[in-house]
Amino acid sequence: MERFKVGVRIRPQIERNNEKFDVEAAIKLDDTVVALSNVGSGQVQAKRQAFTFDHIWDRDNGQEDIYEDGVLELVDDVLDGINATAMCYGQTGSGKTFTALGFVNHNPL
């Protein structure tokens, strides 16, 4: 049995981005559709593109939601002897570590 599923995490806005942009570039329309807008100089262009994925998580979803919806089935498969991979992919600073670990408090010691 081969499967390939793609999920998207829309991470919470970073404070420094709130100062630059007054609109969000990615908006979750439902559990499988995300709309992307071109953001430039604080203006949203009228044209919006929508993309469909197997699952979409936004800033209201936590790591537990992502685990239950996107990873738990993989863990069960591995325990049954089936190979499985969960992979985070994206640009530097796009939220891969946040998606995998959540908020991390760095210990200076």
PDB file of N, CA and C in Angstrom:
ATOM      1  N   MET A   1       0.839  -1.166   0.000  1.00  0.00           N
ATOM      2  CA  MET A   1       0.000   0.000   0.000  1.00  0.00           C
ATOM      3  C   MET A   1       0.897   1.247   0.000  1.00  0.00           C
ATOM      4  N   GLU A   2       0.716   2.111  -0.980  1.00  0.00           N
ATOM      5  CA  GLU A   2       1.477   3.349  -1.052  1.00  0.00           C
ATOM      6  C   GLU A   2       0.532   4.532  -0.955  1.00  0.00           C
ATOM      7  N   ARG A   3       0.912   5.488  -0.154  1.00  0.00           N
ATOM      8  CA  ARG A   3       0.127   6.713  -0.004  1.00  0.00           C
ATOM      9  C   ARG A   3       1.073   7.890   0.103  1.00  0.00           C
ATOM     10  N   PHE A   4       0.611   8.989  -0.368  1.00  0.00           N
ATOM     11  CA  PHE A   4       1.362  10.227  -0.236  1.00  0.00           C
ATOM     12  C   PHE A   4       0.353  11.311   0.095  1.00  0.00           C
ATOM     13  N   LYS A   5       0.456  11.873   1.287  1.00  0.00           N
ATOM     14  CA  LYS A   5      -0.460  12.932   1.710  1.00  0.00           C
ATOM     15  C   LYS A   5       0.333  14.199   1.964  1.00  0.00           C
ATOM     16  N   VAL A   6      -0.286  15.320   1.662  1.00  0.00           N
ATOM     17  CA  VAL A   6       0.369  16.609   1.873  1.00  0.00           C
ATOM     18  C   VAL A   6      -0.516  17.473   2.757  1.00  0.00           C
ATOM     19  N   GLY A   7       0.069  17.937   3.843  1.00  0.00           N
ATOM     20  CA  GLY A   7      -0.619  18.859   4.746  1.00  0.00           C
ATOM     21  C   GLY A   7       0.158  20.158   4.812  1.00  0.00           C
ATOM     22  N   VAL A   8      -0.541  21.231   5.116  1.00  0.00           N
ATOM     23  CA  VAL A   8       0.076  22.551   5.185  1.00  0.00           C
ATOM     24  C   VAL A   8      -0.202  23.158   6.551  1.00  0.00           C
ATOM     25  N   ARG A   9       0.831  23.744   7.149  1.00  0.00           N
ATOM     26  CA  ARG A   9       0.688  24.461   8.422  1.00  0.00           C
ATOM     27  C   ARG A   9       0.850  25.945   8.156  1.00  0.00           C
ATOM     28  N   ILE A  10      -0.174  26.721   8.479  1.00  0.00           N
ATOM     29  CA  ILE A  10      -0.080  28.174   8.411  1.00  0.00           C
ATOM     30  C   ILE A  10       0.318  28.616   9.805  1.00  0.00           C
ATOM     31  N   ARG A  11       1.565  29.009   9.953  1.00  0.00           N
ATOM     32  CA  ARG A  11       2.063  29.344  11.282  1.00  0.00           C
ATOM     33  C   ARG A  11       1.521  30.687  11.753  1.00  0.00           C
ATOM     34  N   PRO A  12       1.539  30.885  13.070  1.00  0.00           N
ATOM     35  CA  PRO A  12       1.127  32.193  13.587  1.00  0.00           C
ATOM     36  C   PRO A  12       2.052  33.293  13.063  1.00  0.00           C
ATOM     37  N   GLN A  13       1.504  34.467  12.906  1.00  0.00           N
ATOM     38  CA  GLN A  13       2.282  35.605  12.427  1.00  0.00           C
ATOM     39  C   GLN A  13       3.336  35.986  13.465  1.00  0.00           C
ATOM     40  N   ILE A  14       4.544  36.276  13.006  1.00  0.00           N
ATOM     41  CA  ILE A  14       5.621  36.738  13.876  1.00  0.00           C
ATOM     42  C   ILE A  14       5.401  38.227  14.141  1.00  0.00           C
ATOM     43  N   GLU A  15       5.683  38.666  15.365  1.00  0.00           N
ATOM     44  CA  GLU A  15       5.436  40.065  15.744  1.00  0.00           C
ATOM     45  C   GLU A  15       6.053  41.058  14.762  1.00  0.00           C
ATOM     46  N   ARG A  16       7.295  40.819  14.341  1.00  0.00           N
ATOM     47  CA  ARG A  16       7.940  41.778  13.434  1.00  0.00           C
ATOM     48  C   ARG A  16       7.220  41.858  12.088  1.00  0.00           C
ATOM     49  N   ASN A  17       6.546  40.755  11.684  1.00  0.00           N
ATOM     50  CA  ASN A  17       5.771  40.782  10.445  1.00  0.00           C
ATOM     51  C   ASN A  17       4.463  41.556  10.616  1.00  0.00           C
ATOM     52  N   ASN A  18       3.914  41.552  11.832  1.00  0.00           N
ATOM     53  CA  ASN A  18       2.698  42.320  12.090  1.00  0.00           C
ATOM     54  C   ASN A  18       2.922  43.799  11.826  1.00  0.00           C
ATOM     55  N   GLU A  19       4.140  44.259  12.100  1.00  0.00           N
ATOM     56  CA  GLU A  19       4.456  45.666  11.890  1.00  0.00           C
ATOM     57  C   GLU A  19       4.578  45.992  10.404  1.00  0.00           C
ATOM     58  N   LYS A  20       5.049  45.043   9.602  1.00  0.00           N
ATOM     59  CA  LYS A  20       5.259  45.265   8.172  1.00  0.00           C
ATOM     60  C   LYS A  20       3.997  45.063   7.349  1.00  0.00           C
ATOM     61  N   PHE A  21       3.205  44.066   7.724  1.00  0.00           N
ATOM     62  CA  PHE A  21       2.049  43.689   6.915  1.00  0.00           C
ATOM     63  C   PHE A  21       0.788  43.733   7.761  1.00  0.00           C
ATOM     64  N   ASP A  22      -0.242  44.359   7.260  1.00  0.00           N
ATOM     65  CA  ASP A  22      -1.494  44.408   8.005  1.00  0.00           C
ATOM     66  C   ASP A  22      -2.482  43.342   7.532  1.00  0.00           C
ATOM     67  N   VAL A  23      -2.069  42.499   6.587  1.00  0.00           N
ATOM     68  CA  VAL A  23      -2.910  41.408   6.104  1.00  0.00           C
ATOM     69  C   VAL A  23      -2.088  40.123   6.097  1.00  0.00           C
ATOM     70  N   GLU A  24      -2.784  39.008   6.112  1.00  0.00           N
ATOM     71  CA  GLU A  24      -2.104  37.723   6.071  1.00  0.00           C
ATOM     72  C   GLU A  24      -2.119  37.179   4.655  1.00  0.00           C
ATOM     73  N   ALA A  25      -1.016  36.570   4.261  1.00  0.00           N
ATOM     74  CA  ALA A  25      -0.879  36.070   2.896  1.00  0.00           C
ATOM     75  C   ALA A  25      -1.590  34.734   2.702  1.00  0.00           C
ATOM     76  N   ALA A  26      -1.726  33.933   3.765  1.00  0.00           N
ATOM     77  CA  ALA A  26      -2.365  32.616   3.660  1.00  0.00           C
ATOM     78  C   ALA A  26      -3.554  32.554   4.600  1.00  0.00           C
ATOM     79  N   ILE A  27      -4.692  32.135   4.065  1.00  0.00           N
ATOM     80  CA  ILE A  27      -5.917  32.054   4.851  1.00  0.00           C
ATOM     81  C   ILE A  27      -6.541  30.679   4.644  1.00  0.00           C
ATOM     82  N   LYS A  28      -6.836  29.987   5.737  1.00  0.00           N
ATOM     83  CA  LYS A  28      -7.491  28.677   5.675  1.00  0.00           C
ATOM     84  C   LYS A  28      -8.971  28.885   5.370  1.00  0.00           C
ATOM     85  N   LEU A  29      -9.424  28.327   4.260  1.00  0.00           N
ATOM     86  CA  LEU A  29     -10.834  28.443   3.894  1.00  0.00           C
ATOM     87  C   LEU A  29     -11.661  27.309   4.485  1.00  0.00           C
ATOM     88  N   ASP A  30     -11.087  26.109   4.511  1.00  0.00           N
ATOM     89  CA  ASP A  30     -11.698  24.968   5.200  1.00  0.00           C
ATOM     90  C   ASP A  30     -10.591  23.977   5.512  1.00  0.00           C
ATOM     91  N   ASP A  31     -10.922  22.743   5.869  1.00  0.00           N
ATOM     92  CA  ASP A  31      -9.901  21.781   6.294  1.00  0.00           C
ATOM     93  C   ASP A  31      -8.966  21.332   5.184  1.00  0.00           C
ATOM     94  N   THR A  32      -9.300  21.626   3.918  1.00  0.00           N
ATOM     95  CA  THR A  32      -8.444  21.175   2.819  1.00  0.00           C
ATOM     96  C   THR A  32      -8.071  22.275   1.824  1.00  0.00           C
ATOM     97  N   VAL A  33      -8.580  23.494   1.991  1.00  0.00           N
ATOM     98  CA  VAL A  33      -8.326  24.554   1.019  1.00  0.00           C
ATOM     99  C   VAL A  33      -7.721  25.784   1.703  1.00  0.00           C
ATOM    100  N   VAL A  34      -6.631  26.278   1.119  1.00  0.00           N
ATOM    101  CA  VAL A  34      -5.984  27.499   1.605  1.00  0.00           C
ATOM    102  C   VAL A  34      -5.947  28.502   0.460  1.00  0.00           C
ATOM    103  N   ALA A  35      -6.180  29.768   0.782  1.00  0.00           N
ATOM    104  CA  ALA A  35      -6.110  30.837  -0.214  1.00  0.00           C
ATOM    105  C   ALA A  35      -4.853  31.647   0.033  1.00  0.00           C
ATOM    106  N   LEU A  36      -4.125  31.925  -1.031  1.00  0.00           N
ATOM    107  CA  LEU A  36      -2.915  32.737  -0.950  1.00  0.00           C
ATOM    108  C   LEU A  36      -3.145  34.048  -1.680  1.00  0.00           C
ATOM    109  N   SER A  37      -2.731  35.133  -1.054  1.00  0.00           N
ATOM    110  CA  SER A  37      -2.837  36.451  -1.667  1.00  0.00           C
ATOM    111  C   SER A  37      -1.445  37.025  -1.830  1.00  0.00           C
ATOM    112  N   ASN A  38      -1.254  37.782  -2.886  1.00  0.00           N
ATOM    113  CA  ASN A  38       0.005  38.494  -3.054  1.00  0.00           C
ATOM    114  C   ASN A  38      -0.025  39.711  -2.144  1.00  0.00           C
ATOM    115  N   VAL A  39       0.973  39.819  -1.281  1.00  0.00           N
ATOM    116  CA  VAL A  39       1.034  40.937  -0.348  1.00  0.00           C
ATOM    117  C   VAL A  39       2.226  41.806  -0.731  1.00  0.00           C
ATOM    118  N   GLY A  40       1.970  43.071  -0.931  1.00  0.00           N
ATOM    119  CA  GLY A  40       3.052  43.991  -1.256  1.00  0.00           C
ATOM    120  C   GLY A  40       2.703  45.381  -0.787  1.00  0.00           C
ATOM    121  N   SER A  41       3.595  46.002  -0.066  1.00  0.00           N
ATOM    122  CA  SER A  41       3.404  47.355   0.450  1.00  0.00           C
ATOM    123  C   SER A  41       2.115  47.481   1.254  1.00  0.00           C
ATOM    124  N   GLY A  42       1.778  46.422   1.982  1.00  0.00           N
ATOM    125  CA  GLY A  42       0.593  46.467   2.819  1.00  0.00           C
ATOM    126  C   GLY A  42      -0.718  46.353   2.057  1.00  0.00           C
ATOM    127  N   GLN A  43      -0.659  46.086   0.764  1.00  0.00           N
ATOM    128  CA  GLN A  43      -1.871  45.978  -0.055  1.00  0.00           C
ATOM    129  C   GLN A  43      -2.056  44.540  -0.516  1.00  0.00           C
ATOM    130  N   VAL A  44      -3.274  44.076  -0.522  1.00  0.00           N
ATOM    131  CA  VAL A  44      -3.577  42.753  -1.071  1.00  0.00           C
ATOM    132  C   VAL A  44      -4.112  42.958  -2.481  1.00  0.00           C
ATOM    133  N   GLN A  45      -3.495  42.275  -3.421  1.00  0.00           N
ATOM    134  CA  GLN A  45      -3.999  42.359  -4.783  1.00  0.00           C
ATOM    135  C   GLN A  45      -5.339  41.637  -4.858  1.00  0.00           C
ATOM    136  N   ALA A  46      -6.179  42.076  -5.772  1.00  0.00           N
ATOM    137  CA  ALA A  46      -7.533  41.534  -5.872  1.00  0.00           C
ATOM    138  C   ALA A  46      -7.529  40.045  -6.212  1.00  0.00           C
ATOM    139  N   LYS A  47      -6.508  39.556  -6.906  1.00  0.00           N
ATOM    140  CA  LYS A  47      -6.476  38.153  -7.316  1.00  0.00           C
ATOM    141  C   LYS A  47      -5.954  37.275  -6.181  1.00  0.00           C
ATOM    142  N   ARG A  48      -6.732  36.259  -5.844  1.00  0.00           N
ATOM    143  CA  ARG A  48      -6.378  35.313  -4.805  1.00  0.00           C
ATOM    144  C   ARG A  48      -6.363  33.930  -5.427  1.00  0.00           C
ATOM    145  N   GLN A  49      -5.395  33.110  -5.045  1.00  0.00           N
ATOM    146  CA  GLN A  49      -5.313  31.749  -5.563  1.00  0.00           C
ATOM    147  C   GLN A  49      -5.632  30.770  -4.445  1.00  0.00           C
ATOM    148  N   ALA A  50      -6.383  29.729  -4.760  1.00  0.00           N
ATOM    149  CA  ALA A  50      -6.727  28.708  -3.782  1.00  0.00           C
ATOM    150  C   ALA A  50      -6.047  27.391  -4.149  1.00  0.00           C
ATOM    151  N   PHE A  51      -5.595  26.667  -3.126  1.00  0.00           N
ATOM    152  CA  PHE A  51      -4.926  25.385  -3.312  1.00  0.00           C
ATOM    153  C   PHE A  51      -5.550  24.373  -2.360  1.00  0.00           C
ATOM    154  N   THR A  52      -5.636  23.130  -2.832  1.00  0.00           N
ATOM    155  CA  THR A  52      -6.244  22.064  -2.044  1.00  0.00           C
ATOM    156  C   THR A  52      -5.165  21.083  -1.574  1.00  0.00           C
ATOM    157  N   PHE A  53      -5.233  20.688  -0.312  1.00  0.00           N
ATOM    158  CA  PHE A  53      -4.303  19.743   0.290  1.00  0.00           C
ATOM    159  C   PHE A  53      -5.112  18.692   1.039  1.00  0.00           C
ATOM    160  N   ASP A  54      -4.423  17.664   1.529  1.00  0.00           N
ATOM    161  CA  ASP A  54      -5.108  16.640   2.305  1.00  0.00           C
ATOM    162  C   ASP A  54      -5.565  17.185   3.656  1.00  0.00           C
ATOM    163  N   HIS A  55      -4.787  18.093   4.227  1.00  0.00           N
ATOM    164  CA  HIS A  55      -5.181  18.727   5.485  1.00  0.00           C
ATOM    165  C   HIS A  55      -4.468  20.065   5.626  1.00  0.00           C
ATOM    166  N   ILE A  56      -5.139  20.994   6.300  1.00  0.00           N
ATOM    167  CA  ILE A  56      -4.552  22.313   6.550  1.00  0.00           C
ATOM    168  C   ILE A  56      -4.728  22.636   8.021  1.00  0.00           C
ATOM    169  N   TRP A  57      -3.650  23.064   8.649  1.00  0.00           N
ATOM    170  CA  TRP A  57      -3.684  23.516  10.032  1.00  0.00           C
ATOM    171  C   TRP A  57      -3.322  24.994  10.032  1.00  0.00           C
ATOM    172  N   ASP A  58      -4.005  25.765  10.852  1.00  0.00           N
ATOM    173  CA  ASP A  58      -3.682  27.191  10.933  1.00  0.00           C
ATOM    174  C   ASP A  58      -3.212  27.537  12.342  1.00  0.00           C
ATOM    175  N   ARG A  59      -3.128  28.831  12.637  1.00  0.00           N
ATOM    176  CA  ARG A  59      -2.576  29.295  13.913  1.00  0.00           C
ATOM    177  C   ARG A  59      -3.413  28.839  15.113  1.00  0.00           C
ATOM    178  N   ASP A  60      -4.651  28.422  14.884  1.00  0.00           N
ATOM    179  CA  ASP A  60      -5.492  27.959  15.982  1.00  0.00           C
ATOM    180  C   ASP A  60      -5.254  26.492  16.324  1.00  0.00           C
ATOM    181  N   ASN A  61      -4.498  25.793  15.493  1.00  0.00           N
ATOM    182  CA  ASN A  61      -4.186  24.386  15.735  1.00  0.00           C
ATOM    183  C   ASN A  61      -2.834  24.267  16.427  1.00  0.00           C
ATOM    184  N   GLY A  62      -2.772  23.367  17.392  1.00  0.00           N
ATOM    185  CA  GLY A  62      -1.525  23.122  18.103  1.00  0.00           C
ATOM    186  C   GLY A  62      -0.830  21.872  17.605  1.00  0.00           C
ATOM    187  N   GLN A  63       0.292  21.553  18.235  1.00  0.00           N
ATOM    188  CA  GLN A  63       1.059  20.380  17.850  1.00  0.00           C
ATOM    189  C   GLN A  63       0.243  19.106  18.041  1.00  0.00           C
ATOM    190  N   GLU A  64      -0.606  19.062  19.065  1.00  0.00           N
ATOM    191  CA  GLU A  64      -1.430  17.871  19.294  1.00  0.00           C
ATOM    192  C   GLU A  64      -2.380  17.627  18.120  1.00  0.00           C
ATOM    193  N   ASP A  65      -2.945  18.699  17.567  1.00  0.00           N
ATOM    194  CA  ASP A  65      -3.828  18.564  16.402  1.00  0.00           C
ATOM    195  C   ASP A  65      -3.071  18.003  15.201  1.00  0.00           C
ATOM    196  N   ILE A  66      -1.878  18.521  14.979  1.00  0.00           N
ATOM    197  CA  ILE A  66      -1.071  18.059  13.844  1.00  0.00           C
ATOM    198  C   ILE A  66      -0.686  16.601  14.030  1.00  0.00           C
ATOM    199  N   TYR A  67      -0.310  16.236  15.250  1.00  0.00           N
ATOM    200  CA  TYR A  67       0.036  14.845  15.527  1.00  0.00           C
ATOM    201  C   TYR A  67      -1.165  13.921  15.276  1.00  0.00           C
ATOM    202  N   GLU A  68      -2.315  14.282  15.831  1.00  0.00           N
ATOM    203  CA  GLU A  68      -3.491  13.420  15.694  1.00  0.00           C
ATOM    204  C   GLU A  68      -3.971  13.317  14.249  1.00  0.00           C
ATOM    205  N   ASP A  69      -3.956  14.432  13.522  1.00  0.00           N
ATOM    206  CA  ASP A  69      -4.473  14.444  12.150  1.00  0.00           C
ATOM    207  C   ASP A  69      -3.456  13.969  11.114  1.00  0.00           C
ATOM    208  N   GLY A  70      -2.163  14.203  11.369  1.00  0.00           N
ATOM    209  CA  GLY A  70      -1.183  13.959  10.331  1.00  0.00           C
ATOM    210  C   GLY A  70      -0.117  12.925  10.612  1.00  0.00           C
ATOM    211  N   VAL A  71       0.107  12.587  11.888  1.00  0.00           N
ATOM    212  CA  VAL A  71       1.244  11.718  12.204  1.00  0.00           C
ATOM    213  C   VAL A  71       0.825  10.424  12.905  1.00  0.00           C
ATOM    214  N   LEU A  72      -0.214  10.465  13.684  1.00  0.00           N
ATOM    215  CA  LEU A  72      -0.619   9.298  14.478  1.00  0.00           C
ATOM    216  C   LEU A  72      -0.793   8.048  13.626  1.00  0.00           C
ATOM    217  N   GLU A  73      -1.429   8.194  12.477  1.00  0.00           N
ATOM    218  CA  GLU A  73      -1.630   7.043  11.590  1.00  0.00           C
ATOM    219  C   GLU A  73      -0.288   6.480  11.115  1.00  0.00           C
ATOM    220  N   LEU A  74       0.688   7.363  10.895  1.00  0.00           N
ATOM    221  CA  LEU A  74       2.023   6.906  10.494  1.00  0.00           C
ATOM    222  C   LEU A  74       2.678   6.096  11.608  1.00  0.00           C
ATOM    223  N   VAL A  75       2.539   6.554  12.838  1.00  0.00           N
ATOM    224  CA  VAL A  75       3.109   5.831  13.976  1.00  0.00           C
ATOM    225  C   VAL A  75       2.476   4.445  14.077  1.00  0.00           C
ATOM    226  N   ASP A  76       1.167   4.379  13.921  1.00  0.00           N
ATOM    227  CA  ASP A  76       0.486   3.071  13.950  1.00  0.00           C
ATOM    228  C   ASP A  76       1.011   2.162  12.842  1.00  0.00           C
ATOM    229  N   ASP A  77       1.220   2.718  11.645  1.00  0.00           N
ATOM    230  CA  ASP A  77       1.753   1.927  10.531  1.00  0.00           C
ATOM    231  C   ASP A  77       3.144   1.381  10.853  1.00  0.00           C
ATOM    232  N   VAL A  78       4.000   2.222  11.428  1.00  0.00           N
ATOM    233  CA  VAL A  78       5.353   1.782  11.785  1.00  0.00           C
ATOM    234  C   VAL A  78       5.290   0.651  12.810  1.00  0.00           C
ATOM    235  N   LEU A  79       4.398   0.778  13.778  1.00  0.00           N
ATOM    236  CA  LEU A  79       4.262  -0.272  14.789  1.00  0.00           C
ATOM    237  C   LEU A  79       3.736  -1.580  14.183  1.00  0.00           C
ATOM    238  N   ASP A  80       3.080  -1.477  13.027  1.00  0.00           N
ATOM    239  CA  ASP A  80       2.618  -2.668  12.311  1.00  0.00           C
ATOM    240  C   ASP A  80       3.643  -3.172  11.301  1.00  0.00           C
ATOM    241  N   GLY A  81       4.837  -2.561  11.270  1.00  0.00           N
ATOM    242  CA  GLY A  81       5.901  -3.009  10.384  1.00  0.00           C
ATOM    243  C   GLY A  81       5.912  -2.356   9.010  1.00  0.00           C
ATOM    244  N   ILE A  82       5.154  -1.292   8.827  1.00  0.00           N
ATOM    245  CA  ILE A  82       5.108  -0.585   7.538  1.00  0.00           C
ATOM    246  C   ILE A  82       6.008   0.641   7.609  1.00  0.00           C
ATOM    247  N   ASN A  83       6.802   0.864   6.571  1.00  0.00           N
ATOM    248  CA  ASN A  83       7.651   2.049   6.533  1.00  0.00           C
ATOM    249  C   ASN A  83       6.803   3.310   6.410  1.00  0.00           C
ATOM    250  N   ALA A  84       7.212   4.371   7.114  1.00  0.00           N
ATOM    251  CA  ALA A  84       6.478   5.635   7.063  1.00  0.00           C
ATOM    252  C   ALA A  84       7.447   6.784   7.293  1.00  0.00           C
ATOM    253  N   THR A  85       7.124   7.929   6.738  1.00  0.00           N
ATOM    254  CA  THR A  85       7.939   9.126   6.909  1.00  0.00           C
ATOM    255  C   THR A  85       7.036  10.334   7.079  1.00  0.00           C
ATOM    256  N   ALA A  86       7.363  11.162   8.059  1.00  0.00           N
ATOM    257  CA  ALA A  86       6.721  12.474   8.207  1.00  0.00           C
ATOM    258  C   ALA A  86       7.835  13.489   7.959  1.00  0.00           C
ATOM    259  N   MET A  87       7.616  14.390   7.030  1.00  0.00           N
ATOM    260  CA  MET A  87       8.666  15.318   6.638  1.00  0.00           C
ATOM    261  C   MET A  87       8.147  16.750   6.683  1.00  0.00           C
ATOM    262  N   CYS A  88       8.965  17.637   7.220  1.00  0.00           N
ATOM    263  CA  CYS A  88       8.660  19.071   7.190  1.00  0.00           C
ATOM    264  C   CYS A  88       9.551  19.704   6.132  1.00  0.00           C
ATOM    265  N   TYR A  89       8.952  20.490   5.263  1.00  0.00           N
ATOM    266  CA  TYR A  89       9.685  21.111   4.163  1.00  0.00           C
ATOM    267  C   TYR A  89       9.259  22.566   4.064  1.00  0.00           C
ATOM    268  N   GLY A  90      10.211  23.439   3.847  1.00  0.00           N
ATOM    269  CA  GLY A  90       9.861  24.840   3.665  1.00  0.00           C
ATOM    270  C   GLY A  90      11.069  25.740   3.752  1.00  0.00           C
ATOM    271  N   GLN A  91      10.839  26.970   3.416  1.00  0.00           N
ATOM    272  CA  GLN A  91      11.877  27.999   3.424  1.00  0.00           C
ATOM    273  C   GLN A  91      12.375  28.225   4.850  1.00  0.00           C
ATOM    274  N   THR A  92      13.620  28.675   4.988  1.00  0.00           N
ATOM    275  CA  THR A  92      14.163  29.033   6.286  1.00  0.00           C
ATOM    276  C   THR A  92      13.253  30.065   6.944  1.00  0.00           C
ATOM    277  N   GLY A  93      12.913  29.802   8.191  1.00  0.00           N
ATOM    278  CA  GLY A  93      12.057  30.727   8.922  1.00  0.00           C
ATOM    279  C   GLY A  93      10.575  30.555   8.663  1.00  0.00           C
ATOM    280  N   SER A  94      10.196  29.502   7.923  1.00  0.00           N
ATOM    281  CA  SER A  94       8.782  29.328   7.575  1.00  0.00           C
ATOM    282  C   SER A  94       7.976  28.603   8.644  1.00  0.00           C
ATOM    283  N   GLY A  95       8.643  28.049   9.664  1.00  0.00           N
ATOM    284  CA  GLY A  95       7.914  27.437  10.769  1.00  0.00           C
ATOM    285  C   GLY A  95       8.045  25.929  10.901  1.00  0.00           C
ATOM    286  N   LYS A  96       9.042  25.320  10.272  1.00  0.00           N
ATOM    287  CA  LYS A  96       9.199  23.865  10.370  1.00  0.00           C
ATOM    288  C   LYS A  96       9.458  23.427  11.810  1.00  0.00           C
ATOM    289  N   THR A  97      10.398  24.061  12.481  1.00  0.00           N
ATOM    290  CA  THR A  97      10.716  23.709  13.863  1.00  0.00           C
ATOM    291  C   THR A  97       9.532  23.990  14.768  1.00  0.00           C
ATOM    292  N   PHE A  98       8.845  25.104  14.547  1.00  0.00           N
ATOM    293  CA  PHE A  98       7.661  25.427  15.334  1.00  0.00           C
ATOM    294  C   PHE A  98       6.600  24.353  15.154  1.00  0.00           C
ATOM    295  N   THR A  99       6.408  23.890  13.923  1.00  0.00           N
ATOM    296  CA  THR A  99       5.410  22.857  13.663  1.00  0.00           C
ATOM    297  C   THR A  99       5.768  21.562  14.388  1.00  0.00           C
ATOM    298  N   ALA A 100       7.048  21.199  14.395  1.00  0.00           N
ATOM    299  CA  ALA A 100       7.471  19.944  15.012  1.00  0.00           C
ATOM    300  C   ALA A 100       7.540  20.025  16.533  1.00  0.00           C
ATOM    301  N   LEU A 101       7.995  21.166  17.061  1.00  0.00           N
ATOM    302  CA  LEU A 101       8.270  21.255  18.493  1.00  0.00           C
ATOM    303  C   LEU A 101       7.403  22.244  19.266  1.00  0.00           C
ATOM    304  N   GLY A 102       6.755  23.167  18.594  1.00  0.00           N
ATOM    305  CA  GLY A 102       6.002  24.208  19.284  1.00  0.00           C
ATOM    306  C   GLY A 102       6.935  25.296  19.777  1.00  0.00           C
ATOM    307  N   PHE A 103       6.472  26.070  20.737  1.00  0.00           N
ATOM    308  CA  PHE A 103       7.317  27.121  21.304  1.00  0.00           C
ATOM    309  C   PHE A 103       8.427  26.479  22.106  1.00  0.00           C
ATOM    310  N   VAL A 104       9.666  26.868  21.814  1.00  0.00           N
ATOM    311  CA  VAL A 104      10.814  26.305  22.493  1.00  0.00           C
ATOM    312  C   VAL A 104      11.477  27.410  23.287  1.00  0.00           C
ATOM    313  N   ASN A 105      11.607  27.199  24.593  1.00  0.00           N
ATOM    314  CA  ASN A 105      12.339  28.137  25.444  1.00  0.00           C
ATOM    315  C   ASN A 105      13.782  27.720  25.460  1.00  0.00           C
ATOM    316  N   HIS A 106      14.649  28.574  24.969  1.00  0.00           N
ATOM    317  CA  HIS A 106      16.068  28.245  24.929  1.00  0.00           C
ATOM    318  C   HIS A 106      16.687  28.433  26.316  1.00  0.00           C
ATOM    319  N   ASN A 107      17.377  27.409  26.774  1.00  0.00           N
ATOM    320  CA  ASN A 107      18.064  27.475  28.042  1.00  0.00           C
ATOM    321  C   ASN A 107      19.455  28.019  27.811  1.00  0.00           C
ATOM    322  N   PRO A 108      19.800  29.178  28.377  1.00  0.00           N
ATOM    323  CA  PRO A 108      21.128  29.771  28.126  1.00  0.00           C
ATOM    324  C   PRO A 108      22.278  29.012  28.757  1.00  0.00           C
ATOM    325  N   LEU A 109      21.981  28.034  29.635  1.00  0.00           N
ATOM    326  CA  LEU A 109      23.058  27.298  30.308  1.00  0.00           C
ATOM    327  C   LEU A 109      23.557  26.178  29.471  1.00  0.00           C
TER     328      LEU A 109
END
